[in-house]
Amino acid sequence: MFSMVEWHARVAKGWTYDTWHRGRFLEEWADPRVLGELHETFAYYDEANIKRGPLKTVDLFRKWL
């Protein structure tokens, strides 16, 4: 997931754009639109969230990445 967010930032701002390492300081370099939806892609330990997480990931990839 973080690789796709990094690639998205680099495509938008140039391939040498500093995206730190493994999502470090993600809030500072990632597209705010992506950040706004990223939290929905992580699932918690209940059935509804486990179903929702992967679907939101697909939505995020389709929309921004």
Protein backbone atom coordinates (compact mmCIF):
# COMPACT_ATOMS: atom_id res chain seq x y z
CA MET A 1 0.00 0.00 0.00
CA PHE A 2 2.67 2.51 0.99
CA SER A 3 4.55 1.84 -2.24
CA MET A 4 1.52 2.89 -4.25
CA VAL A 5 1.11 6.07 -2.19
CA GLU A 6 4.82 6.82 -2.72
CA TRP A 7 4.54 6.26 -6.47
CA HIS A 8 1.49 8.47 -6.64
CA ALA A 9 3.36 11.30 -4.87
CA ARG A 10 6.37 10.91 -7.15
CA VAL A 11 4.30 10.90 -10.31
CA ALA A 12 2.59 14.09 -9.16
CA LYS A 13 5.72 15.88 -7.87
CA GLY A 14 8.63 14.32 -9.74
CA TRP A 15 10.36 10.98 -9.39
CA THR A 16 13.04 12.38 -7.08
CA TYR A 17 10.44 13.76 -4.62
CA ASP A 18 11.42 12.71 -1.09
CA THR A 19 8.86 10.27 0.33
CA TRP A 20 11.05 9.20 3.22
CA HIS A 21 11.08 5.48 3.94
CA ARG A 22 8.22 3.02 4.52
CA GLY A 23 5.59 5.66 5.11
CA ARG A 24 7.60 7.79 7.53
CA PHE A 25 6.06 11.27 7.82
CA LEU A 26 3.36 10.19 5.40
CA GLU A 27 1.18 13.11 6.46
CA GLU A 28 3.80 15.55 5.19
CA TRP A 29 4.35 14.24 1.67
CA ALA A 30 1.31 12.21 0.58
CA ASP A 31 -1.62 13.67 -1.30
CA PRO A 32 -4.19 14.94 1.24
CA ARG A 33 -7.00 13.30 -0.74
CA VAL A 34 -5.31 9.92 -0.37
CA LEU A 35 -4.67 10.51 3.33
CA GLY A 36 -8.33 11.33 3.82
CA GLU A 37 -9.33 7.85 2.71
CA LEU A 38 -6.32 5.79 3.78
CA HIS A 39 -7.51 5.21 7.35
CA GLU A 40 -10.57 3.37 6.00
CA THR A 41 -8.39 0.73 4.35
CA PHE A 42 -7.20 -0.75 7.65
CA ALA A 43 -9.37 -3.37 9.30
CA TYR A 44 -9.95 -3.94 12.99
CA TYR A 45 -10.89 -7.20 14.67
CA ASP A 46 -14.55 -7.42 13.87
CA GLU A 47 -16.34 -8.91 10.88
CA ALA A 48 -17.69 -5.64 9.47
CA ASN A 49 -14.26 -4.02 9.42
CA ILE A 50 -12.56 -7.09 7.99
CA LYS A 51 -14.99 -6.95 5.05
CA ARG A 52 -14.78 -3.17 4.69
CA GLY A 53 -10.98 -2.79 4.71
CA PRO A 54 -10.17 -4.58 1.44
CA LEU A 55 -13.10 -2.97 -0.35
CA LYS A 56 -11.97 0.49 0.70
CA THR A 57 -8.45 -0.35 -0.47
CA VAL A 58 -9.80 -1.20 -3.92
CA ASP A 59 -11.81 2.04 -3.96
CA LEU A 60 -8.72 4.05 -2.99
CA PHE A 61 -6.61 2.44 -5.74
CA ARG A 62 -9.29 3.06 -8.35
CA LYS A 63 -9.81 6.66 -7.36
CA TRP A 64 -6.32 8.02 -6.67
CA LEU A 65 -3.65 5.42 -7.27
